[in-house]
N, C-alpha and C. Protein backbone atom coordinates (compact mmCIF):
# COMPACT_ATOMS: atom_id res chain seq x y z
N UNK A 1 39.04 -14.47 37.08
CA UNK A 1 38.15 -14.11 36.54
C UNK A 1 37.42 -14.00 35.07
N UNK A 2 37.08 -15.06 34.53
CA UNK A 2 36.88 -14.88 32.76
C UNK A 2 35.78 -13.79 32.55
N UNK A 3 36.08 -12.84 32.00
CA UNK A 3 34.77 -12.31 31.51
C UNK A 3 35.13 -11.80 29.89
N UNK A 4 35.01 -13.13 29.02
CA UNK A 4 34.69 -12.88 28.01
C UNK A 4 33.44 -12.76 27.50
N UNK A 5 33.25 -11.88 26.55
CA UNK A 5 32.06 -11.29 25.39
C UNK A 5 31.80 -11.84 24.44
N UNK A 6 30.72 -12.23 23.78
CA UNK A 6 30.83 -12.81 22.40
C UNK A 6 30.53 -10.86 21.69
N UNK A 7 31.61 -10.54 20.96
CA UNK A 7 30.91 -9.48 20.12
C UNK A 7 29.93 -9.44 19.63
N UNK A 8 29.03 -8.29 19.73
CA UNK A 8 27.75 -8.50 18.98
C UNK A 8 28.20 -8.11 17.38
N UNK A 9 27.22 -8.62 16.33
CA UNK A 9 26.96 -8.79 15.31
C UNK A 9 25.95 -7.27 14.88
N UNK A 10 26.71 -6.63 14.29
CA UNK A 10 26.00 -5.22 13.42
C UNK A 10 24.96 -5.35 13.48
N UNK A 11 23.92 -4.86 13.48
CA UNK A 11 22.48 -5.23 13.01
C UNK A 11 21.49 -5.87 13.62
N UNK A 12 22.09 -6.73 14.54
CA UNK A 12 21.63 -8.22 15.09
C UNK A 12 21.49 -6.72 16.81
N UNK A 13 19.56 -7.27 17.04
CA UNK A 13 19.66 -6.80 18.34
C UNK A 13 20.02 -7.19 19.46
N UNK A 14 20.23 -6.81 20.36
CA UNK A 14 20.09 -7.46 21.29
C UNK A 14 19.04 -8.19 22.33
N UNK A 15 19.06 -9.67 22.89
CA UNK A 15 18.06 -9.74 23.18
C UNK A 15 16.94 -8.69 24.19
N UNK A 16 15.74 -9.05 23.74
CA UNK A 16 14.89 -7.72 24.19
C UNK A 16 15.02 -6.39 23.70
N UNK A 17 15.82 -6.13 22.46
CA UNK A 17 15.32 -5.11 22.03
C UNK A 17 15.05 -5.10 21.02
N UNK A 18 14.24 -3.55 20.45
CA UNK A 18 13.58 -3.73 18.99
C UNK A 18 14.46 -3.22 17.68
N UNK A 19 14.93 -3.58 16.73
CA UNK A 19 15.42 -3.56 15.31
C UNK A 19 14.99 -1.86 14.90
N UNK A 20 13.83 -1.85 15.46
CA UNK A 20 13.63 -0.13 14.98
C UNK A 20 12.98 0.00 13.21
N UNK A 21 12.73 -1.37 13.34
CA UNK A 21 12.43 -1.37 11.42
C UNK A 21 11.11 -1.04 11.29
N UNK A 22 10.91 -0.19 10.82
CA UNK A 22 9.39 0.28 10.47
C UNK A 22 8.36 -0.24 9.57
N UNK A 23 9.29 -1.67 9.09
CA UNK A 23 8.36 -2.99 8.33
C UNK A 23 7.94 -3.55 9.47
N UNK A 24 8.82 -3.81 10.41
CA UNK A 24 8.19 -4.82 11.37
C UNK A 24 6.68 -4.78 11.85
N UNK A 25 6.07 -6.39 12.06
CA UNK A 25 4.44 -5.78 12.35
C UNK A 25 4.41 -5.28 13.48
N UNK A 26 4.50 -4.90 14.49
CA UNK A 26 4.73 -4.29 15.70
C UNK A 26 4.55 -3.65 15.57
N UNK A 27 5.02 -2.38 14.40
CA UNK A 27 5.54 -0.87 13.44
C UNK A 27 4.54 -0.83 12.55
N UNK A 28 3.26 -1.72 12.86
CA UNK A 28 2.64 -1.22 11.34
C UNK A 28 0.89 -0.91 11.93
N UNK A 29 0.47 0.01 11.26
CA UNK A 29 -1.14 -0.45 11.95
C UNK A 29 -1.81 -1.22 11.80
N UNK A 30 -2.93 -1.52 12.65
CA UNK A 30 -3.82 -2.31 12.22
C UNK A 30 -4.74 -2.52 10.87
N UNK A 31 -4.91 -3.81 10.45
CA UNK A 31 -5.90 -3.41 8.97
C UNK A 31 -6.57 -3.61 9.18
N UNK A 32 -8.19 -3.57 8.21
CA UNK A 32 -9.39 -3.90 8.91
C UNK A 32 -9.73 -5.18 7.81
N UNK A 33 -8.60 -5.44 6.88
CA UNK A 33 -9.11 -6.89 6.42
C UNK A 33 -9.38 -7.06 4.59
N UNK A 34 -10.32 -5.68 4.84
CA UNK A 34 -10.79 -6.13 3.34
C UNK A 34 -10.87 -4.70 2.91
N UNK A 35 -10.12 -4.78 1.65
CA UNK A 35 -9.22 -3.30 1.05
C UNK A 35 -10.34 -3.53 -0.22
N UNK A 36 -11.19 -3.37 -0.35
CA UNK A 36 -12.12 -3.27 -1.23
C UNK A 36 -12.86 -2.14 -1.65
N UNK A 37 -13.43 -1.66 -2.52
CA UNK A 37 -13.63 -0.22 -2.50
C UNK A 37 -15.38 -0.01 -1.82
N UNK A 38 -15.27 0.87 -1.54
CA UNK A 38 -16.76 1.34 -0.40
C UNK A 38 -17.32 1.67 -1.27
N UNK A 39 -17.12 1.89 -2.52
CA UNK A 39 -18.60 2.32 -2.78
C UNK A 39 -19.09 1.21 -3.41
N UNK A 40 -18.09 0.97 -4.20
CA UNK A 40 -18.83 -0.29 -5.24
C UNK A 40 -18.25 -2.00 -5.11
N UNK A 41 -17.57 -2.18 -4.04
CA UNK A 41 -17.34 -3.18 -3.77
C UNK A 41 -18.45 -4.63 -3.11
N UNK A 42 -18.88 -5.31 -3.16
CA UNK A 42 -19.22 -6.07 -2.70
C UNK A 42 -19.77 -5.93 -1.43
N UNK A 43 -18.71 -5.57 -0.30
CA UNK A 43 -19.36 -5.10 0.69
C UNK A 43 -19.53 -4.24 1.08
N UNK A 44 -20.04 -3.56 0.30
CA UNK A 44 -21.08 -2.13 0.50
C UNK A 44 -22.02 -2.14 1.10
N UNK A 45 -22.80 -3.31 1.19
CA UNK A 45 -23.95 -3.48 1.73
C UNK A 45 -23.60 -3.22 3.97
N UNK A 46 -22.46 -3.40 4.23
CA UNK A 46 -22.41 -3.98 5.49
C UNK A 46 -21.61 -3.04 6.06
N UNK A 47 -20.90 -1.74 5.29
CA UNK A 47 -20.50 -0.73 6.02
C UNK A 47 -21.25 0.52 6.10
N UNK A 48 -21.29 1.46 6.82
CA UNK A 48 -21.42 2.59 6.93
C UNK A 48 -21.54 3.42 5.96
N UNK A 49 -22.52 4.34 5.91
CA UNK A 49 -22.66 5.23 4.48
C UNK A 49 -21.86 6.35 4.28
N UNK A 50 -21.07 6.54 3.41
CA UNK A 50 -20.41 8.12 3.47
C UNK A 50 -21.43 9.03 3.29
N UNK A 51 -21.28 10.09 3.78
CA UNK A 51 -22.43 11.05 4.18
C UNK A 51 -21.86 12.52 3.05
N UNK A 52 -22.85 12.76 2.67
CA UNK A 52 -22.50 13.69 1.48
C UNK A 52 -23.27 15.14 1.34
N UNK A 53 -22.48 16.33 1.99
CA UNK A 53 -23.60 17.72 2.00
C UNK A 53 -23.76 18.14 0.70
N UNK A 54 -24.50 18.55 0.61
CA UNK A 54 -25.03 19.67 -0.89
C UNK A 54 -25.88 20.80 -0.48
N UNK A 55 -24.90 21.62 -0.88
CA UNK A 55 -25.71 23.09 -0.66
C UNK A 55 -25.94 23.93 -1.94
N UNK A 56 -27.78 24.39 -1.96
CA UNK A 56 -27.83 24.84 -3.17
C UNK A 56 -29.11 26.23 -3.46
N UNK A 57 -29.11 27.00 -4.26
CA UNK A 57 -29.68 28.62 -3.82
C UNK A 57 -31.03 28.19 -4.24
N UNK A 58 -31.73 28.84 -4.11
CA UNK A 58 -33.16 28.52 -4.42
C UNK A 58 -33.05 27.95 -5.56
N UNK A 59 -32.38 28.77 -6.64
CA UNK A 59 -32.57 28.38 -8.20
C UNK A 59 -31.48 26.89 -8.71
N UNK A 60 -31.31 26.46 -7.36
CA UNK A 60 -30.58 25.01 -7.73
C UNK A 60 -31.43 23.63 -7.92
N UNK A 61 -32.92 23.78 -7.82
CA UNK A 61 -33.27 22.54 -7.87
C UNK A 61 -33.00 21.95 -9.31
N UNK A 62 -33.50 22.48 -10.48
CA UNK A 62 -32.71 21.25 -11.73
C UNK A 62 -31.67 20.55 -11.35
N UNK A 63 -30.35 22.05 -10.97
CA UNK A 63 -28.81 21.03 -11.02
C UNK A 63 -29.38 19.74 -10.09
N UNK A 64 -30.07 19.85 -8.68
CA UNK A 64 -30.16 18.94 -8.01
C UNK A 64 -31.29 17.55 -8.38
N UNK A 65 -31.77 17.96 -9.37
CA UNK A 65 -32.92 16.89 -9.82
C UNK A 65 -31.26 16.31 -11.48
N UNK A 66 -30.97 17.06 -11.73
CA UNK A 66 -29.81 16.61 -12.73
C UNK A 66 -28.65 15.41 -12.08
N UNK A 67 -28.34 16.45 -10.89
CA UNK A 67 -27.57 15.42 -10.63
C UNK A 67 -28.40 13.65 -9.47
N UNK A 68 -28.58 14.22 -8.92
CA UNK A 68 -29.49 12.62 -8.44
C UNK A 68 -30.09 12.03 -9.17
N UNK A 69 -30.23 11.92 -10.45
CA UNK A 69 -30.76 11.13 -11.77
C UNK A 69 -29.88 10.10 -12.10
N UNK A 70 -28.59 10.60 -11.62
CA UNK A 70 -26.89 9.97 -12.13
C UNK A 70 -26.73 9.00 -11.23
N UNK A 71 -27.36 9.51 -9.52
CA UNK A 71 -26.72 8.43 -8.19
C UNK A 71 -27.44 7.09 -8.62
N UNK A 72 -26.35 6.00 -8.55
CA UNK A 72 -26.93 4.65 -8.26
C UNK A 72 -27.75 4.31 -7.11
N UNK A 73 -28.55 3.75 -6.96
CA UNK A 73 -29.13 3.24 -5.83
C UNK A 73 -28.33 2.27 -4.61
N UNK A 74 -27.17 1.92 -4.82
CA UNK A 74 -26.53 1.25 -4.35
C UNK A 74 -24.59 1.91 -4.05
N UNK A 75 -24.94 3.32 -4.27
CA UNK A 75 -23.98 3.85 -4.23
C UNK A 75 -22.77 3.62 -2.51
N UNK A 76 -24.05 3.49 -1.57
CA UNK A 76 -23.77 3.58 -0.63
C UNK A 76 -23.49 4.91 0.25
N UNK A 77 -24.02 5.88 -0.54
CA UNK A 77 -23.84 7.09 0.18
C UNK A 77 -25.26 7.58 0.76
N UNK A 78 -24.63 8.43 1.62
CA UNK A 78 -26.27 9.18 2.22
C UNK A 78 -26.19 11.03 1.91
N UNK A 79 -27.07 11.62 1.04
CA UNK A 79 -27.48 13.17 0.90
C UNK A 79 -27.92 13.83 1.75
N UNK A 80 -26.69 14.53 2.57
CA UNK A 80 -27.86 15.94 3.54
C UNK A 80 -27.55 17.35 2.28
N UNK A 81 -29.24 17.74 1.87
CA UNK A 81 -29.32 18.39 1.06
C UNK A 81 -30.01 19.93 1.37
N UNK A 82 -29.24 21.21 1.32
CA UNK A 82 -29.41 22.50 2.10
C UNK A 82 -29.82 23.09 0.97
N UNK A 83 -30.58 23.89 1.19
CA UNK A 83 -30.86 24.72 0.15
C UNK A 83 -31.80 26.25 0.75
N UNK A 84 -31.33 27.09 0.39
CA UNK A 84 -32.14 28.14 0.54
C UNK A 84 -33.63 28.68 0.53
N UNK A 85 -34.05 29.01 1.98
CA UNK A 85 -35.97 29.06 1.85
C UNK A 85 -35.93 29.58 2.68
N UNK A 86 -36.90 30.79 2.17
CA UNK A 86 -37.70 31.99 3.23
C UNK A 86 -37.96 31.04 4.63
N UNK A 87 -38.02 31.46 5.90
CA UNK A 87 -38.56 30.63 6.80
C UNK A 87 -40.37 30.84 6.89
N UNK A 88 -40.83 31.37 5.90
CA UNK A 88 -42.08 31.53 5.74
C UNK A 88 -42.43 29.92 4.92
N UNK A 89 -41.57 30.15 4.02
CA UNK A 89 -42.11 29.27 3.63
C UNK A 89 -41.91 27.38 3.80
N UNK A 90 -43.11 26.50 3.54
CA UNK A 90 -42.88 25.03 3.76
C UNK A 90 -41.65 24.52 2.50
N UNK A 91 -40.94 23.38 3.03
CA UNK A 91 -40.43 22.98 2.06
C UNK A 91 -41.14 21.80 1.53
N UNK A 92 -40.64 21.69 -0.12
CA UNK A 92 -41.57 20.64 -0.54
C UNK A 92 -40.23 19.79 -1.25
N UNK A 93 -39.69 20.37 -1.15
CA UNK A 93 -37.78 19.70 -1.90
C UNK A 93 -38.20 18.10 -1.92
N UNK A 94 -38.36 17.07 -1.04
CA UNK A 94 -38.37 15.91 -0.66
C UNK A 94 -39.34 15.50 -2.05
N UNK A 95 -40.51 15.86 -2.00
CA UNK A 95 -41.03 15.95 -2.80
C UNK A 95 -41.01 15.84 -4.23
N UNK A 96 -40.64 17.35 -4.56
CA UNK A 96 -39.62 17.53 -6.03
C UNK A 96 -38.40 16.91 -6.21
N UNK A 97 -37.44 16.21 -5.33
CA UNK A 97 -36.63 15.41 -5.87
C UNK A 97 -36.79 13.96 -5.77
N UNK A 98 -37.83 13.63 -4.82
CA UNK A 98 -38.41 11.74 -5.37
C UNK A 98 -38.05 11.19 -6.62
N UNK A 99 -38.90 11.67 -7.51
CA UNK A 99 -39.06 11.27 -8.81
C UNK A 99 -37.56 10.69 -9.81
N UNK A 100 -36.90 11.69 -9.17
CA UNK A 100 -35.30 11.82 -9.74
C UNK A 100 -34.21 11.03 -8.78
N UNK A 101 -34.71 10.64 -7.93
CA UNK A 101 -33.50 9.98 -6.95
C UNK A 101 -34.28 8.51 -6.93
N UNK A 102 -33.17 7.54 -7.46
CA UNK A 102 -32.85 5.78 -6.83
C UNK A 102 -33.33 5.08 -5.30
N UNK A 103 -32.98 6.27 -4.43
CA UNK A 103 -33.75 5.94 -2.97
C UNK A 103 -34.39 7.20 -2.62
N UNK A 104 -34.70 6.61 -1.06
CA UNK A 104 -35.63 6.98 -0.24
C UNK A 104 -35.04 8.61 0.00
N UNK A 105 -36.09 9.25 -0.49
CA UNK A 105 -35.84 10.86 0.08
C UNK A 105 -37.06 11.06 1.54
N UNK A 106 -36.56 11.78 2.25
CA UNK A 106 -36.63 12.16 3.87
C UNK A 106 -36.76 13.51 3.65
């Protein structure tokens, strides 16, 4: 019986085995294909908006007006604004902020 085996070369995987190399394609996470800036990139309108939460006290209206006057309409950001208000009072925040905001306020 002739059992001659060719010696394996170090670093060469046997058939059907993985090299364990982290850089190999099968070990890489899937890519989205577009690495554009999600806020200013040309594909920003196709992306879901990033939701930003802002909280303010009753005296925070002037700070909110100043902040929103600098937010561009094409920022691809959606804002949720929460202010401290007595339950007995109706909020007019959307009417007060709309003149300072370049996006629709609801």
